[in-house]
Amino acid sequence: MRVHLSEDEIEVRLAKAEKALGLLRNIKVARSDVSDVEVLDDPLREVMRSGLKVGLRLPWLYYVCRSIRLDQAWAVRRGVPALSFAVRNQGALEHVTVSTNDARELAQRLEGRPARG
């Protein structure tokens, strides 16, 4: 999976296998529809607390899945921080959490702050 952030939108691009096994598509959200941005150092703990999910689940290792209500999507793996954010205007989808080594930088950019090294 890859996360791409442009001036206009954030896109979570999943590999073909992740799409098929995780029952997900790529996720594109306009930056104006993103809020409540945060970085999770242990995203697996968060996803495991969230109740029933559909998709690819390897407990304590890797999740590419959605909640039963389809309001949350996760693409997270052990040892990699995650970018977590709320979304609007995406149908049932209300929250996305995705692991990326660039989570802190992306969170700062989404919040309009310059990245610190």
PDB file of N, CA and C in Angstrom:
ATOM      1  N   MET A   1       0.829  -1.165   0.000  1.00  0.00           N
ATOM      2  CA  MET A   1       0.000   0.000   0.000  1.00  0.00           C
ATOM      3  C   MET A   1       0.880   1.237   0.000  1.00  0.00           C
ATOM      4  N   ARG A   2       0.370   2.288  -0.597  1.00  0.00           N
ATOM      5  CA  ARG A   2       1.074   3.567  -0.649  1.00  0.00           C
ATOM      6  C   ARG A   2       0.074   4.675  -0.352  1.00  0.00           C
ATOM      7  N   VAL A   3       0.566   5.733   0.246  1.00  0.00           N
ATOM      8  CA  VAL A   3      -0.261   6.906   0.508  1.00  0.00           C
ATOM      9  C   VAL A   3       0.311   8.059  -0.301  1.00  0.00           C
ATOM     10  N   HIS A   4      -0.541   8.684  -1.099  1.00  0.00           N
ATOM     11  CA  HIS A   4      -0.121   9.822  -1.929  1.00  0.00           C
ATOM     12  C   HIS A   4      -0.940  11.035  -1.505  1.00  0.00           C
ATOM     13  N   LEU A   5      -0.243  12.140  -1.208  1.00  0.00           N
ATOM     14  CA  LEU A   5      -0.904  13.373  -0.814  1.00  0.00           C
ATOM     15  C   LEU A   5      -0.564  14.458  -1.822  1.00  0.00           C
ATOM     16  N   SER A   6      -1.588  14.995  -2.467  1.00  0.00           N
ATOM     17  CA  SER A   6      -1.401  16.096  -3.415  1.00  0.00           C
ATOM     18  C   SER A   6      -1.995  17.362  -2.805  1.00  0.00           C
ATOM     19  N   GLU A   7      -1.979  18.445  -3.552  1.00  0.00           N
ATOM     20  CA  GLU A   7      -2.577  19.693  -3.074  1.00  0.00           C
ATOM     21  C   GLU A   7      -4.078  19.546  -2.871  1.00  0.00           C
ATOM     22  N   ASP A   8      -4.711  18.653  -3.650  1.00  0.00           N
ATOM     23  CA  ASP A   8      -6.165  18.542  -3.648  1.00  0.00           C
ATOM     24  C   ASP A   8      -6.723  17.355  -2.887  1.00  0.00           C
ATOM     25  N   GLU A   9      -5.961  16.232  -2.800  1.00  0.00           N
ATOM     26  CA  GLU A   9      -6.544  15.023  -2.220  1.00  0.00           C
ATOM     27  C   GLU A   9      -5.485  14.132  -1.592  1.00  0.00           C
ATOM     28  N   ILE A  10      -5.972  13.223  -0.765  1.00  0.00           N
ATOM     29  CA  ILE A  10      -5.137  12.149  -0.234  1.00  0.00           C
ATOM     30  C   ILE A  10      -5.672  10.858  -0.827  1.00  0.00           C
ATOM     31  N   GLU A  11      -4.753   9.990  -1.248  1.00  0.00           N
ATOM     32  CA  GLU A  11      -5.154   8.729  -1.851  1.00  0.00           C
ATOM     33  C   GLU A  11      -4.387   7.586  -1.203  1.00  0.00           C
ATOM     34  N   VAL A  12      -5.132   6.566  -0.792  1.00  0.00           N
ATOM     35  CA  VAL A  12      -4.541   5.331  -0.280  1.00  0.00           C
ATOM     36  C   VAL A  12      -4.617   4.344  -1.429  1.00  0.00           C
ATOM     37  N   ARG A  13      -3.456   3.948  -1.944  1.00  0.00           N
ATOM     38  CA  ARG A  13      -3.383   3.028  -3.076  1.00  0.00           C
ATOM     39  C   ARG A  13      -2.997   1.646  -2.563  1.00  0.00           C
ATOM     40  N   LEU A  14      -3.885   0.706  -2.772  1.00  0.00           N
ATOM     41  CA  LEU A  14      -3.664  -0.670  -2.316  1.00  0.00           C
ATOM     42  C   LEU A  14      -3.156  -1.535  -3.461  1.00  0.00           C
ATOM     43  N   ALA A  15      -2.364  -2.549  -3.124  1.00  0.00           N
ATOM     44  CA  ALA A  15      -1.930  -3.537  -4.121  1.00  0.00           C
ATOM     45  C   ALA A  15      -3.136  -4.376  -4.530  1.00  0.00           C
ATOM     46  N   LYS A  16      -3.048  -5.016  -5.677  1.00  0.00           N
ATOM     47  CA  LYS A  16      -4.169  -5.838  -6.167  1.00  0.00           C
ATOM     48  C   LYS A  16      -4.597  -6.895  -5.149  1.00  0.00           C
ATOM     49  N   ALA A  17      -3.632  -7.574  -4.549  1.00  0.00           N
ATOM     50  CA  ALA A  17      -3.965  -8.613  -3.563  1.00  0.00           C
ATOM     51  C   ALA A  17      -4.646  -8.005  -2.341  1.00  0.00           C
ATOM     52  N   GLU A  18      -4.187  -6.819  -1.897  1.00  0.00           N
ATOM     53  CA  GLU A  18      -4.820  -6.165  -0.757  1.00  0.00           C
ATOM     54  C   GLU A  18      -6.266  -5.789  -1.078  1.00  0.00           C
ATOM     55  N   LYS A  19      -6.501  -5.349  -2.294  1.00  0.00           N
ATOM     56  CA  LYS A  19      -7.865  -5.002  -2.703  1.00  0.00           C
ATOM     57  C   LYS A  19      -8.758  -6.237  -2.689  1.00  0.00           C
ATOM     58  N   ALA A  20      -8.264  -7.315  -3.257  1.00  0.00           N
ATOM     59  CA  ALA A  20      -9.069  -8.541  -3.354  1.00  0.00           C
ATOM     60  C   ALA A  20      -9.303  -9.174  -1.985  1.00  0.00           C
ATOM     61  N   LEU A  21      -8.236  -9.381  -1.226  1.00  0.00           N
ATOM     62  CA  LEU A  21      -8.362 -10.049   0.070  1.00  0.00           C
ATOM     63  C   LEU A  21      -8.954  -9.149   1.150  1.00  0.00           C
ATOM     64  N   GLY A  22      -8.731  -7.850   1.026  1.00  0.00           N
ATOM     65  CA  GLY A  22      -9.231  -6.913   2.021  1.00  0.00           C
ATOM     66  C   GLY A  22     -10.615  -6.376   1.716  1.00  0.00           C
ATOM     67  N   LEU A  23     -11.157  -6.758   0.555  1.00  0.00           N
ATOM     68  CA  LEU A  23     -12.488  -6.309   0.155  1.00  0.00           C
ATOM     69  C   LEU A  23     -12.585  -4.785   0.130  1.00  0.00           C
ATOM     70  N   LEU A  24     -11.522  -4.140  -0.342  1.00  0.00           N
ATOM     71  CA  LEU A  24     -11.441  -2.685  -0.401  1.00  0.00           C
ATOM     72  C   LEU A  24     -11.038  -2.225  -1.795  1.00  0.00           C
ATOM     73  N   ARG A  25     -11.234  -0.947  -2.040  1.00  0.00           N
ATOM     74  CA  ARG A  25     -10.722  -0.290  -3.240  1.00  0.00           C
ATOM     75  C   ARG A  25      -9.747   0.782  -2.791  1.00  0.00           C
ATOM     76  N   ASN A  26      -9.053   1.395  -3.747  1.00  0.00           N
ATOM     77  CA  ASN A  26      -8.266   2.565  -3.403  1.00  0.00           C
ATOM     78  C   ASN A  26      -9.207   3.604  -2.802  1.00  0.00           C
ATOM     79  N   ILE A  27      -8.692   4.389  -1.885  1.00  0.00           N
ATOM     80  CA  ILE A  27      -9.500   5.401  -1.212  1.00  0.00           C
ATOM     81  C   ILE A  27      -8.970   6.771  -1.600  1.00  0.00           C
ATOM     82  N   LYS A  28      -9.818   7.617  -2.173  1.00  0.00           N
ATOM     83  CA  LYS A  28      -9.466   8.993  -2.535  1.00  0.00           C
ATOM     84  C   LYS A  28     -10.388   9.934  -1.778  1.00  0.00           C
ATOM     85  N   VAL A  29      -9.783  10.908  -1.107  1.00  0.00           N
ATOM     86  CA  VAL A  29     -10.557  11.869  -0.332  1.00  0.00           C
ATOM     87  C   VAL A  29     -10.001  13.263  -0.600  1.00  0.00           C
ATOM     88  N   ALA A  30     -10.881  14.203  -0.906  1.00  0.00           N
ATOM     89  CA  ALA A  30     -10.455  15.594  -1.056  1.00  0.00           C
ATOM     90  C   ALA A  30      -9.909  16.087   0.281  1.00  0.00           C
ATOM     91  N   ARG A  31      -8.840  16.881   0.237  1.00  0.00           N
ATOM     92  CA  ARG A  31      -8.252  17.388   1.479  1.00  0.00           C
ATOM     93  C   ARG A  31      -9.257  18.186   2.288  1.00  0.00           C
ATOM     94  N   SER A  32     -10.175  18.851   1.611  1.00  0.00           N
ATOM     95  CA  SER A  32     -11.189  19.640   2.316  1.00  0.00           C
ATOM     96  C   SER A  32     -12.174  18.751   3.082  1.00  0.00           C
ATOM     97  N   ASP A  33     -12.200  17.455   2.770  1.00  0.00           N
ATOM     98  CA  ASP A  33     -13.096  16.507   3.446  1.00  0.00           C
ATOM     99  C   ASP A  33     -12.387  15.701   4.533  1.00  0.00           C
ATOM    100  N   VAL A  34     -11.141  16.064   4.850  1.00  0.00           N
ATOM    101  CA  VAL A  34     -10.343  15.365   5.866  1.00  0.00           C
ATOM    102  C   VAL A  34     -10.316  16.195   7.144  1.00  0.00           C
ATOM    103  N   SER A  35     -10.503  15.527   8.286  1.00  0.00           N
ATOM    104  CA  SER A  35     -10.410  16.206   9.586  1.00  0.00           C
ATOM    105  C   SER A  35      -9.893  15.226  10.635  1.00  0.00           C
ATOM    106  N   ASP A  36      -9.686  15.713  11.831  1.00  0.00           N
ATOM    107  CA  ASP A  36      -9.270  14.892  12.978  1.00  0.00           C
ATOM    108  C   ASP A  36      -8.063  14.011  12.650  1.00  0.00           C
ATOM    109  N   VAL A  37      -7.031  14.620  12.108  1.00  0.00           N
ATOM    110  CA  VAL A  37      -5.820  13.894  11.707  1.00  0.00           C
ATOM    111  C   VAL A  37      -4.973  13.585  12.935  1.00  0.00           C
ATOM    112  N   GLU A  38      -4.505  12.336  13.022  1.00  0.00           N
ATOM    113  CA  GLU A  38      -3.591  11.958  14.094  1.00  0.00           C
ATOM    114  C   GLU A  38      -2.676  10.833  13.627  1.00  0.00           C
ATOM    115  N   VAL A  39      -1.597  10.646  14.373  1.00  0.00           N
ATOM    116  CA  VAL A  39      -0.649   9.563  14.109  1.00  0.00           C
ATOM    117  C   VAL A  39      -0.795   8.538  15.229  1.00  0.00           C
ATOM    118  N   LEU A  40      -0.933   7.275  14.844  1.00  0.00           N
ATOM    119  CA  LEU A  40      -1.022   6.181  15.820  1.00  0.00           C
ATOM    120  C   LEU A  40       0.279   5.385  15.773  1.00  0.00           C
ATOM    121  N   ASP A  41       0.946   5.305  16.906  1.00  0.00           N
ATOM    122  CA  ASP A  41       2.186   4.535  16.959  1.00  0.00           C
ATOM    123  C   ASP A  41       1.922   3.037  16.986  1.00  0.00           C
ATOM    124  N   ASP A  42       0.768   2.633  17.501  1.00  0.00           N
ATOM    125  CA  ASP A  42       0.406   1.217  17.569  1.00  0.00           C
ATOM    126  C   ASP A  42      -0.984   1.016  16.949  1.00  0.00           C
ATOM    127  N   PRO A  43      -1.081   1.091  15.621  1.00  0.00           N
ATOM    128  CA  PRO A  43      -2.396   1.002  14.980  1.00  0.00           C
ATOM    129  C   PRO A  43      -3.065  -0.362  15.144  1.00  0.00           C
ATOM    130  N   LEU A  44      -2.292  -1.418  15.327  1.00  0.00           N
ATOM    131  CA  LEU A  44      -2.909  -2.739  15.486  1.00  0.00           C
ATOM    132  C   LEU A  44      -3.751  -2.815  16.753  1.00  0.00           C
ATOM    133  N   ARG A  45      -3.314  -2.177  17.805  1.00  0.00           N
ATOM    134  CA  ARG A  45      -4.091  -2.155  19.044  1.00  0.00           C
ATOM    135  C   ARG A  45      -5.442  -1.497  18.792  1.00  0.00           C
ATOM    136  N   GLU A  46      -5.423  -0.398  18.049  1.00  0.00           N
ATOM    137  CA  GLU A  46      -6.652   0.331  17.742  1.00  0.00           C
ATOM    138  C   GLU A  46      -7.614  -0.511  16.894  1.00  0.00           C
ATOM    139  N   VAL A  47      -7.105  -1.158  15.858  1.00  0.00           N
ATOM    140  CA  VAL A  47      -7.975  -1.937  14.975  1.00  0.00           C
ATOM    141  C   VAL A  47      -8.532  -3.164  15.687  1.00  0.00           C
ATOM    142  N   MET A  48      -7.750  -3.762  16.572  1.00  0.00           N
ATOM    143  CA  MET A  48      -8.223  -4.954  17.264  1.00  0.00           C
ATOM    144  C   MET A  48      -9.310  -4.626  18.288  1.00  0.00           C
ATOM    145  N   ARG A  49      -9.383  -3.384  18.751  1.00  0.00           N
ATOM    146  CA  ARG A  49     -10.403  -2.956  19.708  1.00  0.00           C
ATOM    147  C   ARG A  49     -11.717  -2.573  19.024  1.00  0.00           C
ATOM    148  N   SER A  50     -11.727  -2.489  17.731  1.00  0.00           N
ATOM    149  CA  SER A  50     -12.822  -1.846  17.006  1.00  0.00           C
ATOM    150  C   SER A  50     -14.021  -2.734  16.696  1.00  0.00           C
ATOM    151  N   GLY A  51     -14.042  -3.951  17.115  1.00  0.00           N
ATOM    152  CA  GLY A  51     -15.202  -4.808  16.855  1.00  0.00           C
ATOM    153  C   GLY A  51     -15.069  -5.617  15.583  1.00  0.00           C
ATOM    154  N   LEU A  52     -16.197  -6.023  15.038  1.00  0.00           N
ATOM    155  CA  LEU A  52     -16.219  -6.909  13.874  1.00  0.00           C
ATOM    156  C   LEU A  52     -15.733  -6.214  12.608  1.00  0.00           C
ATOM    157  N   LYS A  53     -14.984  -6.966  11.808  1.00  0.00           N
ATOM    158  CA  LYS A  53     -14.419  -6.454  10.567  1.00  0.00           C
ATOM    159  C   LYS A  53     -14.577  -7.490   9.456  1.00  0.00           C
ATOM    160  N   VAL A  54     -14.565  -7.006   8.204  1.00  0.00           N
ATOM    161  CA  VAL A  54     -14.544  -7.902   7.051  1.00  0.00           C
ATOM    162  C   VAL A  54     -13.302  -7.572   6.232  1.00  0.00           C
ATOM    163  N   GLY A  55     -12.654  -8.591   5.722  1.00  0.00           N
ATOM    164  CA  GLY A  55     -11.460  -8.394   4.912  1.00  0.00           C
ATOM    165  C   GLY A  55     -10.317  -9.240   5.430  1.00  0.00           C
ATOM    166  N   LEU A  56      -9.109  -8.863   5.058  1.00  0.00           N
ATOM    167  CA  LEU A  56      -7.899  -9.591   5.426  1.00  0.00           C
ATOM    168  C   LEU A  56      -7.490  -9.227   6.850  1.00  0.00           C
ATOM    169  N   ARG A  57      -7.419 -10.241   7.718  1.00  0.00           N
ATOM    170  CA  ARG A  57      -7.058 -10.022   9.119  1.00  0.00           C
ATOM    171  C   ARG A  57      -6.052 -11.079   9.558  1.00  0.00           C
ATOM    172  N   LEU A  58      -4.870 -10.646   9.925  1.00  0.00           N
ATOM    173  CA  LEU A  58      -3.866 -11.514  10.532  1.00  0.00           C
ATOM    174  C   LEU A  58      -3.538 -10.888  11.889  1.00  0.00           C
ATOM    175  N   PRO A  59      -4.254 -11.297  12.952  1.00  0.00           N
ATOM    176  CA  PRO A  59      -4.133 -10.638  14.246  1.00  0.00           C
ATOM    177  C   PRO A  59      -2.695 -10.417  14.683  1.00  0.00           C
ATOM    178  N   TRP A  60      -2.451  -9.211  15.182  1.00  0.00           N
ATOM    179  CA  TRP A  60      -1.157  -8.718  15.652  1.00  0.00           C
ATOM    180  C   TRP A  60      -0.115  -8.593  14.546  1.00  0.00           C
ATOM    181  N   LEU A  61      -0.498  -8.776  13.278  1.00  0.00           N
ATOM    182  CA  LEU A  61       0.460  -8.630  12.179  1.00  0.00           C
ATOM    183  C   LEU A  61       0.012  -7.633  11.116  1.00  0.00           C
ATOM    184  N   TYR A  62      -1.223  -7.800  10.597  1.00  0.00           N
ATOM    185  CA  TYR A  62      -1.601  -7.094   9.377  1.00  0.00           C
ATOM    186  C   TYR A  62      -3.112  -7.085   9.213  1.00  0.00           C
ATOM    187  N   TYR A  63      -3.666  -5.941   8.894  1.00  0.00           N
ATOM    188  CA  TYR A  63      -5.107  -5.814   8.625  1.00  0.00           C
ATOM    189  C   TYR A  63      -5.317  -4.954   7.387  1.00  0.00           C
ATOM    190  N   VAL A  64      -6.116  -5.423   6.459  1.00  0.00           N
ATOM    191  CA  VAL A  64      -6.638  -4.626   5.354  1.00  0.00           C
ATOM    192  C   VAL A  64      -8.121  -4.971   5.335  1.00  0.00           C
ATOM    193  N   CYS A  65      -8.931  -4.108   5.953  1.00  0.00           N
ATOM    194  CA  CYS A  65     -10.331  -4.473   6.175  1.00  0.00           C
ATOM    195  C   CYS A  65     -11.186  -3.241   6.434  1.00  0.00           C
ATOM    196  N   ARG A  66     -12.496  -3.500   6.514  1.00  0.00           N
ATOM    197  CA  ARG A  66     -13.482  -2.468   6.862  1.00  0.00           C
ATOM    198  C   ARG A  66     -14.340  -2.981   8.004  1.00  0.00           C
ATOM    199  N   SER A  67     -14.948  -2.053   8.702  1.00  0.00           N
ATOM    200  CA  SER A  67     -15.888  -2.436   9.746  1.00  0.00           C
ATOM    201  C   SER A  67     -17.139  -3.015   9.094  1.00  0.00           C
ATOM    202  N   ILE A  68     -17.879  -3.781   9.840  1.00  0.00           N
ATOM    203  CA  ILE A  68     -19.125  -4.373   9.340  1.00  0.00           C
ATOM    204  C   ILE A  68     -20.075  -3.285   8.830  1.00  0.00           C
ATOM    205  N   ARG A  69     -20.118  -2.151   9.517  1.00  0.00           N
ATOM    206  CA  ARG A  69     -20.977  -1.036   9.103  1.00  0.00           C
ATOM    207  C   ARG A  69     -20.400  -0.262   7.918  1.00  0.00           C
ATOM    208  N   LEU A  70     -19.177  -0.611   7.488  1.00  0.00           N
ATOM    209  CA  LEU A  70     -18.477   0.024   6.370  1.00  0.00           C
ATOM    210  C   LEU A  70     -18.116   1.482   6.639  1.00  0.00           C
ATOM    211  N   ASP A  71     -18.118   1.894   7.906  1.00  0.00           N
ATOM    212  CA  ASP A  71     -17.811   3.283   8.225  1.00  0.00           C
ATOM    213  C   ASP A  71     -16.335   3.517   8.546  1.00  0.00           C
ATOM    214  N   GLN A  72     -15.550   2.441   8.708  1.00  0.00           N
ATOM    215  CA  GLN A  72     -14.127   2.563   8.989  1.00  0.00           C
ATOM    216  C   GLN A  72     -13.338   1.638   8.068  1.00  0.00           C
ATOM    217  N   ALA A  73     -12.168   2.113   7.645  1.00  0.00           N
ATOM    218  CA  ALA A  73     -11.275   1.296   6.821  1.00  0.00           C
ATOM    219  C   ALA A  73      -9.879   1.323   7.438  1.00  0.00           C
ATOM    220  N   TRP A  74      -9.224   0.152   7.428  1.00  0.00           N
ATOM    221  CA  TRP A  74      -7.869   0.029   7.955  1.00  0.00           C
ATOM    222  C   TRP A  74      -6.980  -0.671   6.938  1.00  0.00           C
ATOM    223  N   ALA A  75      -5.770  -0.195   6.828  1.00  0.00           N
ATOM    224  CA  ALA A  75      -4.716  -0.878   6.082  1.00  0.00           C
ATOM    225  C   ALA A  75      -3.463  -0.662   6.936  1.00  0.00           C
ATOM    226  N   VAL A  76      -3.283  -1.547   7.915  1.00  0.00           N
ATOM    227  CA  VAL A  76      -2.230  -1.346   8.910  1.00  0.00           C
ATOM    228  C   VAL A  76      -1.404  -2.613   9.112  1.00  0.00           C
ATOM    229  N   ARG A  77      -0.151  -2.383   9.539  1.00  0.00           N
ATOM    230  CA  ARG A  77       0.720  -3.522   9.828  1.00  0.00           C
ATOM    231  C   ARG A  77       1.584  -3.234  11.047  1.00  0.00           C
ATOM    232  N   ARG A  78       2.021  -4.308  11.654  1.00  0.00           N
ATOM    233  CA  ARG A  78       2.820  -4.220  12.874  1.00  0.00           C
ATOM    234  C   ARG A  78       4.133  -3.495  12.610  1.00  0.00           C
ATOM    235  N   GLY A  79       4.513  -2.651  13.566  1.00  0.00           N
ATOM    236  CA  GLY A  79       5.798  -1.973  13.505  1.00  0.00           C
ATOM    237  C   GLY A  79       5.827  -0.733  12.626  1.00  0.00           C
ATOM    238  N   VAL A  80       4.699  -0.365  12.035  1.00  0.00           N
ATOM    239  CA  VAL A  80       4.651   0.807  11.155  1.00  0.00           C
ATOM    240  C   VAL A  80       3.583   1.754  11.698  1.00  0.00           C
ATOM    241  N   PRO A  81       3.956   3.014  11.987  1.00  0.00           N
ATOM    242  CA  PRO A  81       2.953   3.956  12.487  1.00  0.00           C
ATOM    243  C   PRO A  81       1.868   4.181  11.439  1.00  0.00           C
ATOM    244  N   ALA A  82       0.747   4.722  11.879  1.00  0.00           N
ATOM    245  CA  ALA A  82      -0.373   4.915  10.958  1.00  0.00           C
ATOM    246  C   ALA A  82      -0.879   6.345  10.985  1.00  0.00           C
ATOM    247  N   LEU A  83      -1.321   6.781   9.835  1.00  0.00           N
ATOM    248  CA  LEU A  83      -2.030   8.041   9.685  1.00  0.00           C
ATOM    249  C   LEU A  83      -3.509   7.723   9.833  1.00  0.00           C
ATOM    250  N   SER A  84      -4.177   8.418  10.723  1.00  0.00           N
ATOM    251  CA  SER A  84      -5.594   8.177  10.983  1.00  0.00           C
ATOM    252  C   SER A  84      -6.334   9.491  10.780  1.00  0.00           C
ATOM    253  N   PHE A  85      -7.467   9.441  10.066  1.00  0.00           N
ATOM    254  CA  PHE A  85      -8.206  10.681   9.817  1.00  0.00           C
ATOM    255  C   PHE A  85      -9.683  10.397   9.551  1.00  0.00           C
ATOM    256  N   ALA A  86     -10.510  11.374   9.908  1.00  0.00           N
ATOM    257  CA  ALA A  86     -11.948  11.317   9.643  1.00  0.00           C
ATOM    258  C   ALA A  86     -12.187  11.871   8.234  1.00  0.00           C
ATOM    259  N   VAL A  87     -13.256  11.394   7.585  1.00  0.00           N
ATOM    260  CA  VAL A  87     -13.595  11.860   6.240  1.00  0.00           C
ATOM    261  C   VAL A  87     -15.081  12.209   6.152  1.00  0.00           C
ATOM    262  N   ARG A  88     -15.394  13.097   5.232  1.00  0.00           N
ATOM    263  CA  ARG A  88     -16.774  13.457   4.904  1.00  0.00           C
ATOM    264  C   ARG A  88     -17.004  13.162   3.429  1.00  0.00           C
ATOM    265  N   ASN A  89     -18.249  13.071   3.049  1.00  0.00           N
ATOM    266  CA  ASN A  89     -18.648  12.943   1.638  1.00  0.00           C
ATOM    267  C   ASN A  89     -18.080  11.696   0.965  1.00  0.00           C
ATOM    268  N   GLN A  90     -17.980  10.594   1.708  1.00  0.00           N
ATOM    269  CA  GLN A  90     -17.467   9.334   1.169  1.00  0.00           C
ATOM    270  C   GLN A  90     -18.476   8.208   1.371  1.00  0.00           C
ATOM    271  N   GLY A  91     -19.737   8.516   1.258  1.00  0.00           N
ATOM    272  CA  GLY A  91     -20.766   7.511   1.497  1.00  0.00           C
ATOM    273  C   GLY A  91     -20.755   7.101   2.958  1.00  0.00           C
ATOM    274  N   ALA A  92     -20.743   5.800   3.211  1.00  0.00           N
ATOM    275  CA  ALA A  92     -20.755   5.296   4.585  1.00  0.00           C
ATOM    276  C   ALA A  92     -19.415   5.499   5.296  1.00  0.00           C
ATOM    277  N   LEU A  93     -18.339   5.624   4.530  1.00  0.00           N
ATOM    278  CA  LEU A  93     -16.998   5.715   5.113  1.00  0.00           C
ATOM    279  C   LEU A  93     -16.823   7.010   5.899  1.00  0.00           C
ATOM    280  N   GLU A  94     -16.410   6.866   7.172  1.00  0.00           N
ATOM    281  CA  GLU A  94     -16.222   8.018   8.056  1.00  0.00           C
ATOM    282  C   GLU A  94     -14.813   8.149   8.599  1.00  0.00           C
ATOM    283  N   HIS A  95     -14.026   7.046   8.559  1.00  0.00           N
ATOM    284  CA  HIS A  95     -12.692   7.093   9.163  1.00  0.00           C
ATOM    285  C   HIS A  95     -11.744   6.128   8.447  1.00  0.00           C
ATOM    286  N   VAL A  96     -10.508   6.582   8.238  1.00  0.00           N
ATOM    287  CA  VAL A  96      -9.478   5.789   7.556  1.00  0.00           C
ATOM    288  C   VAL A  96      -8.228   5.756   8.428  1.00  0.00           C
ATOM    289  N   THR A  97      -7.619   4.589   8.538  1.00  0.00           N
ATOM    290  CA  THR A  97      -6.344   4.435   9.230  1.00  0.00           C
ATOM    291  C   THR A  97      -5.433   3.612   8.334  1.00  0.00           C
ATOM    292  N   VAL A  98      -4.242   4.167   8.019  1.00  0.00           N
ATOM    293  CA  VAL A  98      -3.336   3.499   7.089  1.00  0.00           C
ATOM    294  C   VAL A  98      -1.897   3.611   7.587  1.00  0.00           C
ATOM    295  N   SER A  99      -1.188   2.478   7.611  1.00  0.00           N
ATOM    296  CA  SER A  99       0.209   2.457   8.019  1.00  0.00           C
ATOM    297  C   SER A  99       1.096   3.022   6.913  1.00  0.00           C
ATOM    298  N   THR A 100       1.999   3.874   7.332  1.00  0.00           N
ATOM    299  CA  THR A 100       2.997   4.429   6.419  1.00  0.00           C
ATOM    300  C   THR A 100       4.162   4.961   7.244  1.00  0.00           C
ATOM    301  N   ASN A 101       5.353   4.760   6.772  1.00  0.00           N
ATOM    302  CA  ASN A 101       6.520   5.286   7.469  1.00  0.00           C
ATOM    303  C   ASN A 101       6.517   6.810   7.479  1.00  0.00           C
ATOM    304  N   ASP A 102       5.745   7.429   6.590  1.00  0.00           N
ATOM    305  CA  ASP A 102       5.662   8.885   6.484  1.00  0.00           C
ATOM    306  C   ASP A 102       4.475   9.460   7.265  1.00  0.00           C
ATOM    307  N   ALA A 103       3.913   8.724   8.215  1.00  0.00           N
ATOM    308  CA  ALA A 103       2.691   9.145   8.904  1.00  0.00           C
ATOM    309  C   ALA A 103       2.829  10.528   9.539  1.00  0.00           C
ATOM    310  N   ARG A 104       3.923  10.798  10.238  1.00  0.00           N
ATOM    311  CA  ARG A 104       4.083  12.091  10.905  1.00  0.00           C
ATOM    312  C   ARG A 104       4.171  13.233   9.904  1.00  0.00           C
ATOM    313  N   GLU A 105       4.950  13.049   8.879  1.00  0.00           N
ATOM    314  CA  GLU A 105       5.086  14.083   7.844  1.00  0.00           C
ATOM    315  C   GLU A 105       3.738  14.345   7.157  1.00  0.00           C
ATOM    316  N   LEU A 106       3.032  13.286   6.798  1.00  0.00           N
ATOM    317  CA  LEU A 106       1.736  13.446   6.136  1.00  0.00           C
ATOM    318  C   LEU A 106       0.727  14.137   7.053  1.00  0.00           C
ATOM    319  N   ALA A 107       0.726  13.797   8.337  1.00  0.00           N
ATOM    320  CA  ALA A 107      -0.187  14.438   9.287  1.00  0.00           C
ATOM    321  C   ALA A 107       0.101  15.932   9.369  1.00  0.00           C
ATOM    322  N   GLN A 108       1.366  16.301   9.426  1.00  0.00           N
ATOM    323  CA  GLN A 108       1.731  17.714   9.477  1.00  0.00           C
ATOM    324  C   GLN A 108       1.303  18.439   8.210  1.00  0.00           C
ATOM    325  N   ARG A 109       1.508  17.811   7.073  1.00  0.00           N
ATOM    326  CA  ARG A 109       1.096  18.427   5.807  1.00  0.00           C
ATOM    327  C   ARG A 109      -0.418  18.572   5.719  1.00  0.00           C
ATOM    328  N   LEU A 110      -1.161  17.560   6.176  1.00  0.00           N
ATOM    329  CA  LEU A 110      -2.613  17.653   6.158  1.00  0.00           C
ATOM    330  C   LEU A 110      -3.128  18.743   7.082  1.00  0.00           C
ATOM    331  N   GLU A 111      -2.424  18.987   8.160  1.00  0.00           N
ATOM    332  CA  GLU A 111      -2.818  20.022   9.101  1.00  0.00           C
ATOM    333  C   GLU A 111      -2.285  21.384   8.712  1.00  0.00           C
ATOM    334  N   GLY A 112      -1.529  21.437   7.592  1.00  0.00           N
ATOM    335  CA  GLY A 112      -1.023  22.709   7.094  1.00  0.00           C
ATOM    336  C   GLY A 112       0.209  23.211   7.795  1.00  0.00           C
ATOM    337  N   ARG A 113       0.900  22.330   8.533  1.00  0.00           N
ATOM    338  CA  ARG A 113       2.137  22.732   9.218  1.00  0.00           C
ATOM    339  C   ARG A 113       3.324  22.215   8.425  1.00  0.00           C
ATOM    340  N   PRO A 114       4.425  22.933   8.452  1.00  0.00           N
ATOM    341  CA  PRO A 114       5.635  22.430   7.785  1.00  0.00           C
ATOM    342  C   PRO A 114       6.169  21.210   8.522  1.00  0.00           C
ATOM    343  N   ALA A 115       6.690  20.244   7.775  1.00  0.00           N
ATOM    344  CA  ALA A 115       7.272  19.037   8.383  1.00  0.00           C
ATOM    345  C   ALA A 115       8.567  19.397   9.078  1.00  0.00           C
ATOM    346  N   ARG A 116       8.792  18.761  10.249  1.00  0.00           N
ATOM    347  CA  ARG A 116      10.038  18.968  10.983  1.00  0.00           C
ATOM    348  C   ARG A 116      10.889  17.720  10.854  1.00  0.00           C
ATOM    349  N   GLY A 117      12.179  17.899  10.685  1.00  0.00           N
ATOM    350  CA  GLY A 117      13.082  16.770  10.532  1.00  0.00           C
ATOM    351  C   GLY A 117      13.603  16.356  11.806  1.00  0.00           C
TER     352      GLY A 117
END
